[in-house]
Amino acid sequence: MTDTTRTVRSLVPARIDRLSWSPFHTRMVIALGIAWVLDGLEITVASAVGPILQRADTLHLDSYQVGLTATVYLIGQVTGSLVFGDLSDRLGRRKLFLVTLGLYLAASGLTALSWDFWILLVLRFVAGLGIGGEYAAINSAIDEMIPARFRGRTDLAVNGTYWLGSIIGTLGTYVLLDPDLLASDVGWRLGFLIGPLIALAVWPLRRRIPESPRWLLLHGREHEAEDAVAEMEAGARALTPVDPARAIEIRAQSRTPLTTVARTLFRDYPTRSLLGATLMISQSFLYNAIFFTYALVLTHFYDVPDHQTPKCLFAFAAGNSHSASDSSWRRITRP
């Protein structure tokens, strides 16, 4: 049990912030940042296969049902971020970003076996739970383990990989939905297996990521926090001594109540919270809501053949990928 009756004094945060960029940080960004790639891929695949799922030889859905699968996926994301976000605060970042990746992998893989609309709907909700949980646990882990001077650029670059996932999804579905290569009821199913294959590839790398030292400190486990930082320091270059005056004091606690989070957001930082909410809501409306049904618009109103819609999605994703990254990766390791 966490001892919540004492104050922990530690140099762990200062030791993390004085680190140079190392192979550890690169592995962590690849292993954890894959969440944004998977989300971009999922939304693109779901959009591309939408018209295919309306065929009589597949699931024979109507436009309303295709749109509802997207809505349920997003509801799953919101639910997953809230539930798993709270659990990551209680149980640790590492446990949760393994659980959420496994949940996504299983649900998205099983989506390929869907035989009717209701099974598809349930599996899309569960896949959304996994991706939403990924966001909550992984954003915390990245922000807590990346040195302060790299943190903003790392967040920008990692979030920009959403569009890398979208490009992978468009290229994959362009091939898999080609009726000259695969039957319609086979191609869309294989499309939903692209994400799980990527998740399986990064699973061993993710298992090597240690628990967040800051989370360990907050839960009164300072000795484990010291060990985790030592692992991060092992691959760093030219370590400089840390001034003992930079030590901070942390009150150990088992969890941070949502009331405390709400008070911090809306009482202490209302302007920043409003700005963040505005940006996130605008992004969700303009990209998630529209992108999910973009292929339906192309097929029903512009007479684009359903197996050709990935080409239009690719152009959209490529343009966004360029504007989102724009040299962020080249600048990420610069002090």
C-alpha atoms as a PDB file:
ATOM      1  CA  MET A   1       0.000   0.000   0.000  1.00  0.00           C
ATOM      2  CA  THR A   2       1.165   3.551  -0.694  1.00  0.00           C
ATOM      3  CA  ASP A   3       2.115   5.538   2.361  1.00  0.00           C
ATOM      4  CA  THR A   4       0.071   8.740   2.042  1.00  0.00           C
ATOM      5  CA  THR A   5       1.176  10.138   5.393  1.00  0.00           C
ATOM      6  CA  ARG A   6       4.626  11.338   4.434  1.00  0.00           C
ATOM      7  CA  THR A   7       6.352  13.732   2.063  1.00  0.00           C
ATOM      8  CA  VAL A   8       8.910  12.450  -0.439  1.00  0.00           C
ATOM      9  CA  ARG A   9      11.891  14.669  -1.243  1.00  0.00           C
ATOM     10  CA  SER A  10      13.653  13.735  -4.466  1.00  0.00           C
ATOM     11  CA  LEU A  11      15.961  14.831  -7.297  1.00  0.00           C
ATOM     12  CA  VAL A  12      14.278  12.442  -9.753  1.00  0.00           C
ATOM     13  CA  PRO A  13      12.463  15.139 -11.820  1.00  0.00           C
ATOM     14  CA  ALA A  14      15.656  17.214 -12.044  1.00  0.00           C
ATOM     15  CA  ARG A  15      17.635  14.150 -13.108  1.00  0.00           C
ATOM     16  CA  ILE A  16      15.117  13.431 -15.874  1.00  0.00           C
ATOM     17  CA  ASP A  17      15.112  17.015 -17.167  1.00  0.00           C
ATOM     18  CA  ARG A  18      18.905  17.254 -17.389  1.00  0.00           C
ATOM     19  CA  LEU A  19      19.175  14.195 -19.683  1.00  0.00           C
ATOM     20  CA  SER A  20      20.244  14.508 -23.300  1.00  0.00           C
ATOM     21  CA  TRP A  21      18.265  12.719 -25.980  1.00  0.00           C
ATOM     22  CA  SER A  22      19.240   9.047 -25.920  1.00  0.00           C
ATOM     23  CA  PRO A  23      18.282   5.718 -27.544  1.00  0.00           C
ATOM     24  CA  PHE A  24      15.947   5.180 -24.589  1.00  0.00           C
ATOM     25  CA  HIS A  25      13.851   8.206 -25.565  1.00  0.00           C
ATOM     26  CA  THR A  26      13.759   7.088 -29.195  1.00  0.00           C
ATOM     27  CA  ARG A  27      12.551   3.615 -28.199  1.00  0.00           C
ATOM     28  CA  MET A  28       9.951   5.129 -25.921  1.00  0.00           C
ATOM     29  CA  VAL A  29       8.594   7.473 -28.588  1.00  0.00           C
ATOM     30  CA  ILE A  30       8.328   4.610 -31.086  1.00  0.00           C
ATOM     31  CA  ALA A  31       6.770   2.177 -28.606  1.00  0.00           C
ATOM     32  CA  LEU A  32       4.279   4.625 -27.105  1.00  0.00           C
ATOM     33  CA  GLY A  33       3.720   7.005 -30.005  1.00  0.00           C
ATOM     34  CA  ILE A  34       2.318   4.153 -32.084  1.00  0.00           C
ATOM     35  CA  ALA A  35      -1.070   4.931 -30.481  1.00  0.00           C
ATOM     36  CA  TRP A  36      -1.551   7.924 -32.792  1.00  0.00           C
ATOM     37  CA  VAL A  37      -0.521   5.886 -35.820  1.00  0.00           C
ATOM     38  CA  LEU A  38      -3.108   3.257 -34.895  1.00  0.00           C
ATOM     39  CA  ASP A  39      -5.888   5.821 -34.422  1.00  0.00           C
ATOM     40  CA  GLY A  40      -5.192   7.462 -37.777  1.00  0.00           C
ATOM     41  CA  LEU A  41      -5.084   4.045 -39.391  1.00  0.00           C
ATOM     42  CA  GLU A  42      -8.334   2.900 -37.753  1.00  0.00           C
ATOM     43  CA  ILE A  43     -10.301   5.960 -38.805  1.00  0.00           C
ATOM     44  CA  THR A  44      -8.974   5.769 -42.360  1.00  0.00           C
ATOM     45  CA  VAL A  45      -9.671   2.061 -42.738  1.00  0.00           C
ATOM     46  CA  ALA A  46     -13.174   2.504 -41.290  1.00  0.00           C
ATOM     47  CA  SER A  47     -13.844   5.322 -43.750  1.00  0.00           C
ATOM     48  CA  ALA A  48     -12.457   3.445 -46.754  1.00  0.00           C
ATOM     49  CA  VAL A  49     -14.404   0.237 -46.097  1.00  0.00           C
ATOM     50  CA  GLY A  50     -17.677   2.059 -45.374  1.00  0.00           C
ATOM     51  CA  PRO A  51     -19.007   1.883 -48.950  1.00  0.00           C
ATOM     52  CA  ILE A  52     -17.815  -1.729 -49.258  1.00  0.00           C
ATOM     53  CA  LEU A  53     -19.846  -2.702 -46.176  1.00  0.00           C
ATOM     54  CA  GLN A  54     -22.996  -1.504 -47.960  1.00  0.00           C
ATOM     55  CA  ARG A  55     -22.694  -4.208 -50.575  1.00  0.00           C
ATOM     56  CA  ALA A  56     -25.034  -7.185 -50.496  1.00  0.00           C
ATOM     57  CA  ASP A  57     -22.075  -9.602 -50.547  1.00  0.00           C
ATOM     58  CA  THR A  58     -20.574  -8.073 -47.359  1.00  0.00           C
ATOM     59  CA  LEU A  59     -22.585  -6.854 -44.340  1.00  0.00           C
ATOM     60  CA  HIS A  60     -25.170  -4.963 -46.411  1.00  0.00           C
ATOM     61  CA  LEU A  61     -25.258  -1.895 -44.124  1.00  0.00           C
ATOM     62  CA  ASP A  62     -26.990   1.376 -44.901  1.00  0.00           C
ATOM     63  CA  SER A  63     -25.379   4.818 -44.573  1.00  0.00           C
ATOM     64  CA  TYR A  64     -26.864   5.344 -41.124  1.00  0.00           C
ATOM     65  CA  GLN A  65     -25.333   2.118 -39.822  1.00  0.00           C
ATOM     66  CA  VAL A  66     -21.921   2.938 -41.293  1.00  0.00           C
ATOM     67  CA  GLY A  67     -22.009   6.343 -39.608  1.00  0.00           C
ATOM     68  CA  LEU A  68     -23.173   4.777 -36.338  1.00  0.00           C
ATOM     69  CA  THR A  69     -20.147   2.473 -36.218  1.00  0.00           C
ATOM     70  CA  ALA A  70     -17.965   5.595 -36.343  1.00  0.00           C
ATOM     71  CA  THR A  71     -19.976   7.284 -33.594  1.00  0.00           C
ATOM     72  CA  VAL A  72     -19.750   4.220 -31.361  1.00  0.00           C
ATOM     73  CA  TYR A  73     -15.989   4.037 -31.930  1.00  0.00           C
ATOM     74  CA  LEU A  74     -15.622   7.658 -30.768  1.00  0.00           C
ATOM     75  CA  ILE A  75     -17.883   7.043 -27.751  1.00  0.00           C
ATOM     76  CA  GLY A  76     -15.580   4.148 -26.903  1.00  0.00           C
ATOM     77  CA  GLN A  77     -12.568   6.457 -27.148  1.00  0.00           C
ATOM     78  CA  VAL A  78     -14.055   8.994 -24.733  1.00  0.00           C
ATOM     79  CA  THR A  79     -15.114   6.256 -22.319  1.00  0.00           C
ATOM     80  CA  GLY A  80     -11.722   4.568 -22.524  1.00  0.00           C
ATOM     81  CA  SER A  81      -9.821   7.784 -21.889  1.00  0.00           C
ATOM     82  CA  LEU A  82     -11.860   8.478 -18.744  1.00  0.00           C
ATOM     83  CA  VAL A  83     -11.854   4.936 -17.355  1.00  0.00           C
ATOM     84  CA  PHE A  84      -8.282   3.984 -18.195  1.00  0.00           C
ATOM     85  CA  GLY A  85      -7.017   7.461 -17.381  1.00  0.00           C
ATOM     86  CA  ASP A  86      -8.267   7.034 -13.833  1.00  0.00           C
ATOM     87  CA  LEU A  87      -6.879   3.493 -13.672  1.00  0.00           C
ATOM     88  CA  SER A  88      -3.467   4.635 -14.904  1.00  0.00           C
ATOM     89  CA  ASP A  89      -3.424   7.119 -12.037  1.00  0.00           C
ATOM     90  CA  ARG A  90      -4.174   4.321  -9.577  1.00  0.00           C
ATOM     91  CA  LEU A  91      -2.286   1.343 -11.037  1.00  0.00           C
ATOM     92  CA  GLY A  92       0.534   2.918 -13.037  1.00  0.00           C
ATOM     93  CA  ARG A  93       1.211   4.030 -16.586  1.00  0.00           C
ATOM     94  CA  ARG A  94       3.076   0.886 -17.628  1.00  0.00           C
ATOM     95  CA  LYS A  95       0.350  -1.587 -16.679  1.00  0.00           C
ATOM     96  CA  LEU A  96      -2.276   0.421 -18.507  1.00  0.00           C
ATOM     97  CA  PHE A  97      -0.419   1.043 -21.749  1.00  0.00           C
ATOM     98  CA  LEU A  98       0.113  -2.728 -21.983  1.00  0.00           C
ATOM     99  CA  VAL A  99      -3.552  -3.445 -21.197  1.00  0.00           C
ATOM    100  CA  THR A 100      -4.911  -0.844 -23.626  1.00  0.00           C
ATOM    101  CA  LEU A 101      -2.702  -2.000 -26.503  1.00  0.00           C
ATOM    102  CA  GLY A 102      -3.798  -5.587 -25.879  1.00  0.00           C
ATOM    103  CA  LEU A 103      -7.458  -4.545 -25.779  1.00  0.00           C
ATOM    104  CA  TYR A 104      -7.162  -2.665 -29.059  1.00  0.00           C
ATOM    105  CA  LEU A 105      -5.242  -5.518 -30.680  1.00  0.00           C
ATOM    106  CA  ALA A 106      -7.878  -8.090 -29.747  1.00  0.00           C
ATOM    107  CA  ALA A 107     -10.941  -5.981 -30.623  1.00  0.00           C
ATOM    108  CA  SER A 108      -9.633  -4.692 -33.939  1.00  0.00           C
ATOM    109  CA  GLY A 109      -8.423  -8.130 -34.936  1.00  0.00           C
ATOM    110  CA  LEU A 110     -11.811  -9.670 -34.117  1.00  0.00           C
ATOM    111  CA  THR A 111     -13.520  -6.949 -36.169  1.00  0.00           C
ATOM    112  CA  ALA A 112     -12.211  -8.784 -39.217  1.00  0.00           C
ATOM    113  CA  LEU A 113     -14.456 -11.718 -38.235  1.00  0.00           C
ATOM    114  CA  SER A 114     -17.667  -9.676 -37.862  1.00  0.00           C
ATOM    115  CA  TRP A 115     -20.679 -11.402 -39.379  1.00  0.00           C
ATOM    116  CA  ASP A 116     -23.376  -8.790 -38.725  1.00  0.00           C
ATOM    117  CA  PHE A 117     -23.923  -5.162 -37.818  1.00  0.00           C
ATOM    118  CA  TRP A 118     -24.315  -5.647 -34.056  1.00  0.00           C
ATOM    119  CA  ILE A 119     -21.118  -7.634 -33.637  1.00  0.00           C
ATOM    120  CA  LEU A 120     -19.309  -5.001 -35.684  1.00  0.00           C
ATOM    121  CA  LEU A 121     -20.763  -2.264 -33.473  1.00  0.00           C
ATOM    122  CA  VAL A 122     -19.648  -3.933 -30.226  1.00  0.00           C
ATOM    123  CA  LEU A 123     -16.137  -4.592 -31.501  1.00  0.00           C
ATOM    124  CA  ARG A 124     -15.720  -1.017 -32.755  1.00  0.00           C
ATOM    125  CA  PHE A 125     -16.721   0.252 -29.308  1.00  0.00           C
ATOM    126  CA  VAL A 126     -14.164  -2.010 -27.612  1.00  0.00           C
ATOM    127  CA  ALA A 127     -11.452  -0.986 -30.087  1.00  0.00           C
ATOM    128  CA  GLY A 128     -12.302   2.632 -29.260  1.00  0.00           C
ATOM    129  CA  LEU A 129     -11.945   1.840 -25.555  1.00  0.00           C
ATOM    130  CA  GLY A 130      -8.427   0.598 -26.212  1.00  0.00           C
ATOM    131  CA  ILE A 131      -7.360   3.614 -28.270  1.00  0.00           C
ATOM    132  CA  GLY A 132      -8.912   6.062 -25.785  1.00  0.00           C
ATOM    133  CA  GLY A 133      -7.092   4.337 -22.958  1.00  0.00           C
ATOM    134  CA  GLU A 134      -3.889   4.524 -24.977  1.00  0.00           C
ATOM    135  CA  TYR A 135      -4.209   8.295 -25.195  1.00  0.00           C
ATOM    136  CA  ALA A 136      -4.702   8.719 -21.454  1.00  0.00           C
ATOM    137  CA  ALA A 137      -1.872   6.448 -20.266  1.00  0.00           C
ATOM    138  CA  ILE A 138       0.614   7.296 -23.006  1.00  0.00           C
ATOM    139  CA  ASN A 139       0.251  11.078 -22.975  1.00  0.00           C
ATOM    140  CA  SER A 140       1.005  10.933 -19.266  1.00  0.00           C
ATOM    141  CA  ALA A 141       3.998   8.621 -19.702  1.00  0.00           C
ATOM    142  CA  ILE A 142       5.563  10.684 -22.491  1.00  0.00           C
ATOM    143  CA  ASP A 143       5.124  13.982 -20.663  1.00  0.00           C
ATOM    144  CA  GLU A 144       6.533  12.504 -17.453  1.00  0.00           C
ATOM    145  CA  MET A 145       9.610  10.822 -18.966  1.00  0.00           C
ATOM    146  CA  ILE A 146      10.702  13.216 -21.714  1.00  0.00           C
ATOM    147  CA  PRO A 147      13.115  15.976 -20.560  1.00  0.00           C
ATOM    148  CA  ALA A 148      11.378  19.355 -20.333  1.00  0.00           C
ATOM    149  CA  ARG A 149      13.296  21.013 -23.192  1.00  0.00           C
ATOM    150  CA  PHE A 150      12.244  18.262 -25.638  1.00  0.00           C
ATOM    151  CA  ARG A 151       8.702  17.760 -24.379  1.00  0.00           C
ATOM    152  CA  GLY A 152       6.731  20.174 -26.549  1.00  0.00           C
ATOM    153  CA  ARG A 153       8.414  19.191 -29.803  1.00  0.00           C
ATOM    154  CA  THR A 154       8.085  15.512 -28.943  1.00  0.00           C
ATOM    155  CA  ASP A 155       4.355  15.868 -28.297  1.00  0.00           C
ATOM    156  CA  LEU A 156       3.927  17.719 -31.582  1.00  0.00           C
ATOM    157  CA  ALA A 157       5.889  15.158 -33.575  1.00  0.00           C
ATOM    158  CA  VAL A 158       4.204  12.162 -31.959  1.00  0.00           C
ATOM    159  CA  ASN A 159       0.687  13.552 -32.408  1.00  0.00           C
ATOM    160  CA  GLY A 160       1.570  14.300 -36.041  1.00  0.00           C
ATOM    161  CA  THR A 161       2.063  10.585 -36.670  1.00  0.00           C
ATOM    162  CA  TYR A 162      -1.732  10.264 -36.716  1.00  0.00           C
ATOM    163  CA  TRP A 163      -1.458  11.106 -40.397  1.00  0.00           C
ATOM    164  CA  LEU A 164       1.295   8.537 -40.930  1.00  0.00           C
ATOM    165  CA  GLY A 165      -1.248   5.977 -39.758  1.00  0.00           C
ATOM    166  CA  SER A 166      -3.772   7.472 -42.158  1.00  0.00           C
ATOM    167  CA  ILE A 167      -1.330   7.090 -45.054  1.00  0.00           C
ATOM    168  CA  ILE A 168      -0.658   3.463 -44.111  1.00  0.00           C
ATOM    169  CA  GLY A 169      -4.408   2.870 -43.965  1.00  0.00           C
ATOM    170  CA  THR A 170      -5.042   4.406 -47.385  1.00  0.00           C
ATOM    171  CA  LEU A 171      -2.237   2.479 -49.059  1.00  0.00           C
ATOM    172  CA  GLY A 172      -3.343  -0.752 -47.422  1.00  0.00           C
ATOM    173  CA  THR A 173      -7.010  -0.390 -48.313  1.00  0.00           C
ATOM    174  CA  TYR A 174      -6.200   0.737 -51.862  1.00  0.00           C
ATOM    175  CA  VAL A 175      -4.608  -2.670 -52.427  1.00  0.00           C
ATOM    176  CA  LEU A 176      -6.949  -4.775 -50.296  1.00  0.00           C
ATOM    177  CA  LEU A 177     -10.168  -3.293 -51.682  1.00  0.00           C
ATOM    178  CA  ASP A 178      -9.166  -3.841 -55.305  1.00  0.00           C
ATOM    179  CA  PRO A 179     -11.803  -6.276 -56.660  1.00  0.00           C
ATOM    180  CA  ASP A 180      -9.266  -7.607 -59.181  1.00  0.00           C
ATOM    181  CA  LEU A 181      -7.080  -8.855 -56.315  1.00  0.00           C
ATOM    182  CA  LEU A 182      -9.462  -9.898 -53.545  1.00  0.00           C
ATOM    183  CA  ALA A 183     -13.152 -10.597 -53.123  1.00  0.00           C
ATOM    184  CA  SER A 184     -15.086  -7.740 -51.516  1.00  0.00           C
ATOM    185  CA  ASP A 185     -15.899  -9.742 -48.385  1.00  0.00           C
ATOM    186  CA  VAL A 186     -12.210 -10.581 -47.888  1.00  0.00           C
ATOM    187  CA  GLY A 187     -10.470  -7.269 -48.567  1.00  0.00           C
ATOM    188  CA  TRP A 188     -12.278  -5.186 -45.933  1.00  0.00           C
ATOM    189  CA  ARG A 189     -11.636  -7.840 -43.298  1.00  0.00           C
ATOM    190  CA  LEU A 190      -7.913  -7.868 -44.019  1.00  0.00           C
ATOM    191  CA  GLY A 191      -7.940  -4.075 -43.777  1.00  0.00           C
ATOM    192  CA  PHE A 192      -8.887  -4.285 -40.104  1.00  0.00           C
ATOM    193  CA  LEU A 193      -5.886  -6.568 -39.482  1.00  0.00           C
ATOM    194  CA  ILE A 194      -3.306  -3.932 -40.477  1.00  0.00           C
ATOM    195  CA  GLY A 195      -3.484  -2.179 -37.105  1.00  0.00           C
ATOM    196  CA  PRO A 196      -3.161  -5.349 -34.982  1.00  0.00           C
ATOM    197  CA  LEU A 197      -0.110  -6.403 -37.005  1.00  0.00           C
ATOM    198  CA  ILE A 198       1.564  -3.065 -36.221  1.00  0.00           C
ATOM    199  CA  ALA A 199       0.562  -3.400 -32.560  1.00  0.00           C
ATOM    200  CA  LEU A 200       2.110  -6.869 -32.408  1.00  0.00           C
ATOM    201  CA  ALA A 201       5.341  -5.522 -33.915  1.00  0.00           C
ATOM    202  CA  VAL A 202       5.784  -2.893 -31.175  1.00  0.00           C
ATOM    203  CA  TRP A 203       4.579  -5.079 -28.290  1.00  0.00           C
ATOM    204  CA  PRO A 204       8.096  -6.363 -27.338  1.00  0.00           C
ATOM    205  CA  LEU A 205       9.454  -2.804 -27.435  1.00  0.00           C
ATOM    206  CA  ARG A 206       6.649  -1.500 -25.252  1.00  0.00           C
ATOM    207  CA  ARG A 207       7.250  -4.162 -22.617  1.00  0.00           C
ATOM    208  CA  ARG A 208      10.772  -2.755 -22.135  1.00  0.00           C
ATOM    209  CA  ILE A 209       9.546   0.722 -21.183  1.00  0.00           C
ATOM    210  CA  PRO A 210       9.854   1.251 -17.391  1.00  0.00           C
ATOM    211  CA  GLU A 211       7.211   2.716 -15.129  1.00  0.00           C
ATOM    212  CA  SER A 212       7.073   6.513 -14.980  1.00  0.00           C
ATOM    213  CA  PRO A 213       9.461   7.677 -12.212  1.00  0.00           C
ATOM    214  CA  ARG A 214       7.190  10.639 -11.472  1.00  0.00           C
ATOM    215  CA  TRP A 215       4.215   8.309 -10.969  1.00  0.00           C
ATOM    216  CA  LEU A 216       6.316   6.146  -8.638  1.00  0.00           C
ATOM    217  CA  LEU A 217       7.301   9.207  -6.625  1.00  0.00           C
ATOM    218  CA  LEU A 218       3.709  10.353  -6.337  1.00  0.00           C
ATOM    219  CA  HIS A 219       2.838   6.959  -4.887  1.00  0.00           C
ATOM    220  CA  GLY A 220       5.668   7.014  -2.341  1.00  0.00           C
ATOM    221  CA  ARG A 221       7.834   4.455  -4.157  1.00  0.00           C
ATOM    222  CA  GLU A 222      10.985   6.561  -4.345  1.00  0.00           C
ATOM    223  CA  HIS A 223      13.413   3.627  -4.450  1.00  0.00           C
ATOM    224  CA  GLU A 224      11.721   2.227  -7.547  1.00  0.00           C
ATOM    225  CA  ALA A 225      11.717   5.730  -9.039  1.00  0.00           C
ATOM    226  CA  GLU A 226      15.487   5.934  -8.502  1.00  0.00           C
ATOM    227  CA  ASP A 227      15.947   2.596 -10.282  1.00  0.00           C
ATOM    228  CA  ALA A 228      13.763   3.712 -13.217  1.00  0.00           C
ATOM    229  CA  VAL A 229      15.763   6.929 -13.656  1.00  0.00           C
ATOM    230  CA  ALA A 230      19.028   4.992 -13.457  1.00  0.00           C
ATOM    231  CA  GLU A 231      17.782   2.864 -16.365  1.00  0.00           C
ATOM    232  CA  MET A 232      17.050   6.030 -18.341  1.00  0.00           C
ATOM    233  CA  GLU A 233      20.480   7.471 -17.507  1.00  0.00           C
ATOM    234  CA  ALA A 234      22.310   4.339 -18.647  1.00  0.00           C
ATOM    235  CA  GLY A 235      22.265   5.346 -22.311  1.00  0.00           C
ATOM    236  CA  ALA A 236      22.634   9.100 -21.836  1.00  0.00           C
ATOM    237  CA  ARG A 237      25.735  11.099 -22.771  1.00  0.00           C
ATOM    238  CA  ALA A 238      27.746  13.483 -20.614  1.00  0.00           C
ATOM    239  CA  LEU A 239      25.657  13.415 -17.464  1.00  0.00           C
ATOM    240  CA  THR A 240      26.072  16.565 -15.407  1.00  0.00           C
ATOM    241  CA  PRO A 241      25.746  16.665 -11.618  1.00  0.00           C
ATOM    242  CA  VAL A 242      22.367  17.750 -10.284  1.00  0.00           C
ATOM    243  CA  ASP A 243      22.231  20.624  -7.818  1.00  0.00           C
ATOM    244  CA  PRO A 244      20.706  19.292  -4.557  1.00  0.00           C
ATOM    245  CA  ALA A 245      18.743  22.550  -4.330  1.00  0.00           C
ATOM    246  CA  ARG A 246      16.623  21.353  -7.274  1.00  0.00           C
ATOM    247  CA  ALA A 247      15.074  18.601  -5.153  1.00  0.00           C
ATOM    248  CA  ILE A 248      11.292  18.840  -4.870  1.00  0.00           C
ATOM    249  CA  GLU A 249       8.893  17.639  -2.204  1.00  0.00           C
ATOM    250  CA  ILE A 250       5.898  15.511  -3.168  1.00  0.00           C
ATOM    251  CA  ARG A 251       3.062  14.435  -0.922  1.00  0.00           C
ATOM    252  CA  ALA A 252       2.545  10.722  -1.532  1.00  0.00           C
ATOM    253  CA  GLN A 253      -1.024   9.814  -2.455  1.00  0.00           C
ATOM    254  CA  SER A 254      -2.790   6.766  -3.829  1.00  0.00           C
ATOM    255  CA  ARG A 255      -4.679   8.680  -6.541  1.00  0.00           C
ATOM    256  CA  THR A 256      -5.583  12.148  -7.749  1.00  0.00           C
ATOM    257  CA  PRO A 257      -9.375  12.666  -7.430  1.00  0.00           C
ATOM    258  CA  LEU A 258     -11.222  13.955 -10.490  1.00  0.00           C
ATOM    259  CA  THR A 259     -12.440  16.850  -8.335  1.00  0.00           C
ATOM    260  CA  THR A 260      -8.824  17.955  -7.944  1.00  0.00           C
ATOM    261  CA  VAL A 261      -8.311  17.704 -11.702  1.00  0.00           C
ATOM    262  CA  ALA A 262     -11.467  19.735 -12.368  1.00  0.00           C
ATOM    263  CA  ARG A 263     -10.457  22.372  -9.805  1.00  0.00           C
ATOM    264  CA  THR A 264      -7.028  22.702 -11.409  1.00  0.00           C
ATOM    265  CA  LEU A 265      -8.496  23.012 -14.903  1.00  0.00           C
ATOM    266  CA  PHE A 266     -11.415  25.322 -14.296  1.00  0.00           C
ATOM    267  CA  ARG A 267     -10.387  27.337 -11.271  1.00  0.00           C
ATOM    268  CA  ASP A 268      -6.601  27.616 -11.604  1.00  0.00           C
ATOM    269  CA  TYR A 269      -6.241  27.609 -15.407  1.00  0.00           C
ATOM    270  CA  PRO A 270      -9.643  28.417 -16.949  1.00  0.00           C
ATOM    271  CA  THR A 271      -8.242  30.241 -20.002  1.00  0.00           C
ATOM    272  CA  ARG A 272      -5.837  27.470 -20.909  1.00  0.00           C
ATOM    273  CA  SER A 273      -8.555  24.863 -20.380  1.00  0.00           C
ATOM    274  CA  LEU A 274     -10.956  26.744 -22.655  1.00  0.00           C
ATOM    275  CA  LEU A 275      -8.291  27.062 -25.358  1.00  0.00           C
ATOM    276  CA  GLY A 276      -7.392  23.369 -25.120  1.00  0.00           C
ATOM    277  CA  ALA A 277     -11.030  22.287 -25.232  1.00  0.00           C
ATOM    278  CA  THR A 278     -11.715  24.529 -28.233  1.00  0.00           C
ATOM    279  CA  LEU A 279      -8.781  23.107 -30.163  1.00  0.00           C
ATOM    280  CA  MET A 280      -9.666  19.502 -29.347  1.00  0.00           C
ATOM    281  CA  ILE A 281     -13.387  19.860 -30.115  1.00  0.00           C
ATOM    282  CA  SER A 282     -12.656  21.641 -33.401  1.00  0.00           C
ATOM    283  CA  GLN A 283     -10.168  18.939 -34.409  1.00  0.00           C
ATOM    284  CA  SER A 284     -12.578  16.163 -33.506  1.00  0.00           C
ATOM    285  CA  PHE A 285     -15.434  17.718 -35.469  1.00  0.00           C
ATOM    286  CA  LEU A 286     -13.443  18.662 -38.559  1.00  0.00           C
ATOM    287  CA  TYR A 287     -11.359  15.490 -38.802  1.00  0.00           C
ATOM    288  CA  ASN A 288     -12.934  12.570 -36.952  1.00  0.00           C
ATOM    289  CA  ALA A 289     -16.575  13.306 -37.752  1.00  0.00           C
ATOM    290  CA  ILE A 290     -16.040  14.236 -41.408  1.00  0.00           C
ATOM    291  CA  PHE A 291     -13.203  11.829 -42.194  1.00  0.00           C
ATOM    292  CA  PHE A 292     -15.201   8.814 -41.007  1.00  0.00           C
ATOM    293  CA  THR A 293     -17.867   9.327 -43.665  1.00  0.00           C
ATOM    294  CA  TYR A 294     -15.725  10.998 -46.332  1.00  0.00           C
ATOM    295  CA  ALA A 295     -15.728   7.846 -48.495  1.00  0.00           C
ATOM    296  CA  LEU A 296     -19.542   7.681 -48.361  1.00  0.00           C
ATOM    297  CA  VAL A 297     -19.746  11.252 -49.631  1.00  0.00           C
ATOM    298  CA  LEU A 298     -17.376  10.419 -52.484  1.00  0.00           C
ATOM    299  CA  THR A 299     -19.314   7.334 -53.558  1.00  0.00           C
ATOM    300  CA  HIS A 300     -22.877   8.636 -53.130  1.00  0.00           C
ATOM    301  CA  PHE A 301     -22.507  12.232 -54.326  1.00  0.00           C
ATOM    302  CA  TYR A 302     -19.458  12.210 -56.616  1.00  0.00           C
ATOM    303  CA  ASP A 303     -19.826   8.713 -58.109  1.00  0.00           C
ATOM    304  CA  VAL A 304     -16.313   7.659 -57.126  1.00  0.00           C
ATOM    305  CA  PRO A 305     -16.054   3.831 -57.294  1.00  0.00           C
ATOM    306  CA  ASP A 306     -15.938   2.462 -53.753  1.00  0.00           C
ATOM    307  CA  HIS A 307     -12.575   0.725 -54.263  1.00  0.00           C
ATOM    308  CA  GLN A 308     -11.070   3.997 -55.562  1.00  0.00           C
ATOM    309  CA  THR A 309     -11.878   6.158 -52.522  1.00  0.00           C
ATOM    310  CA  PRO A 310      -8.524   5.395 -50.795  1.00  0.00           C
ATOM    311  CA  LYS A 311      -6.786   7.482 -53.460  1.00  0.00           C
ATOM    312  CA  CYS A 312      -8.752  10.552 -52.355  1.00  0.00           C
ATOM    313  CA  LEU A 313      -8.120   9.711 -48.708  1.00  0.00           C
ATOM    314  CA  PHE A 314      -4.396   9.429 -49.425  1.00  0.00           C
ATOM    315  CA  ALA A 315      -4.193  12.957 -50.837  1.00  0.00           C
ATOM    316  CA  PHE A 316      -6.020  14.291 -47.784  1.00  0.00           C
ATOM    317  CA  ALA A 317      -3.746  12.402 -45.372  1.00  0.00           C
ATOM    318  CA  ALA A 318      -0.540  13.321 -47.188  1.00  0.00           C
ATOM    319  CA  GLY A 319      -1.354  17.038 -47.055  1.00  0.00           C
ATOM    320  CA  ASN A 320      -2.143  16.907 -43.353  1.00  0.00           C
ATOM    321  CA  SER A 321       0.930  14.784 -42.609  1.00  0.00           C
ATOM    322  CA  HIS A 322       3.215  17.371 -44.176  1.00  0.00           C
ATOM    323  CA  SER A 323       1.678  20.295 -42.297  1.00  0.00           C
ATOM    324  CA  ALA A 324       1.561  18.405 -38.993  1.00  0.00           C
ATOM    325  CA  SER A 325       5.176  17.241 -38.981  1.00  0.00           C
ATOM    326  CA  ASP A 326       6.932  20.104 -40.840  1.00  0.00           C
ATOM    327  CA  SER A 327      10.466  19.414 -39.617  1.00  0.00           C
ATOM    328  CA  SER A 328       9.375  18.513 -36.061  1.00  0.00           C
ATOM    329  CA  TRP A 329      11.228  15.239 -36.219  1.00  0.00           C
ATOM    330  CA  ARG A 330      14.379  16.967 -37.493  1.00  0.00           C
ATOM    331  CA  ARG A 331      14.258  19.401 -34.594  1.00  0.00           C
ATOM    332  CA  ILE A 332      13.269  16.987 -31.861  1.00  0.00           C
ATOM    333  CA  THR A 333      16.764  16.108 -30.671  1.00  0.00           C
ATOM    334  CA  ARG A 334      18.109  19.649 -30.714  1.00  0.00           C
ATOM    335  CA  PRO A 335      18.484  21.363 -27.337  1.00  0.00           C
END
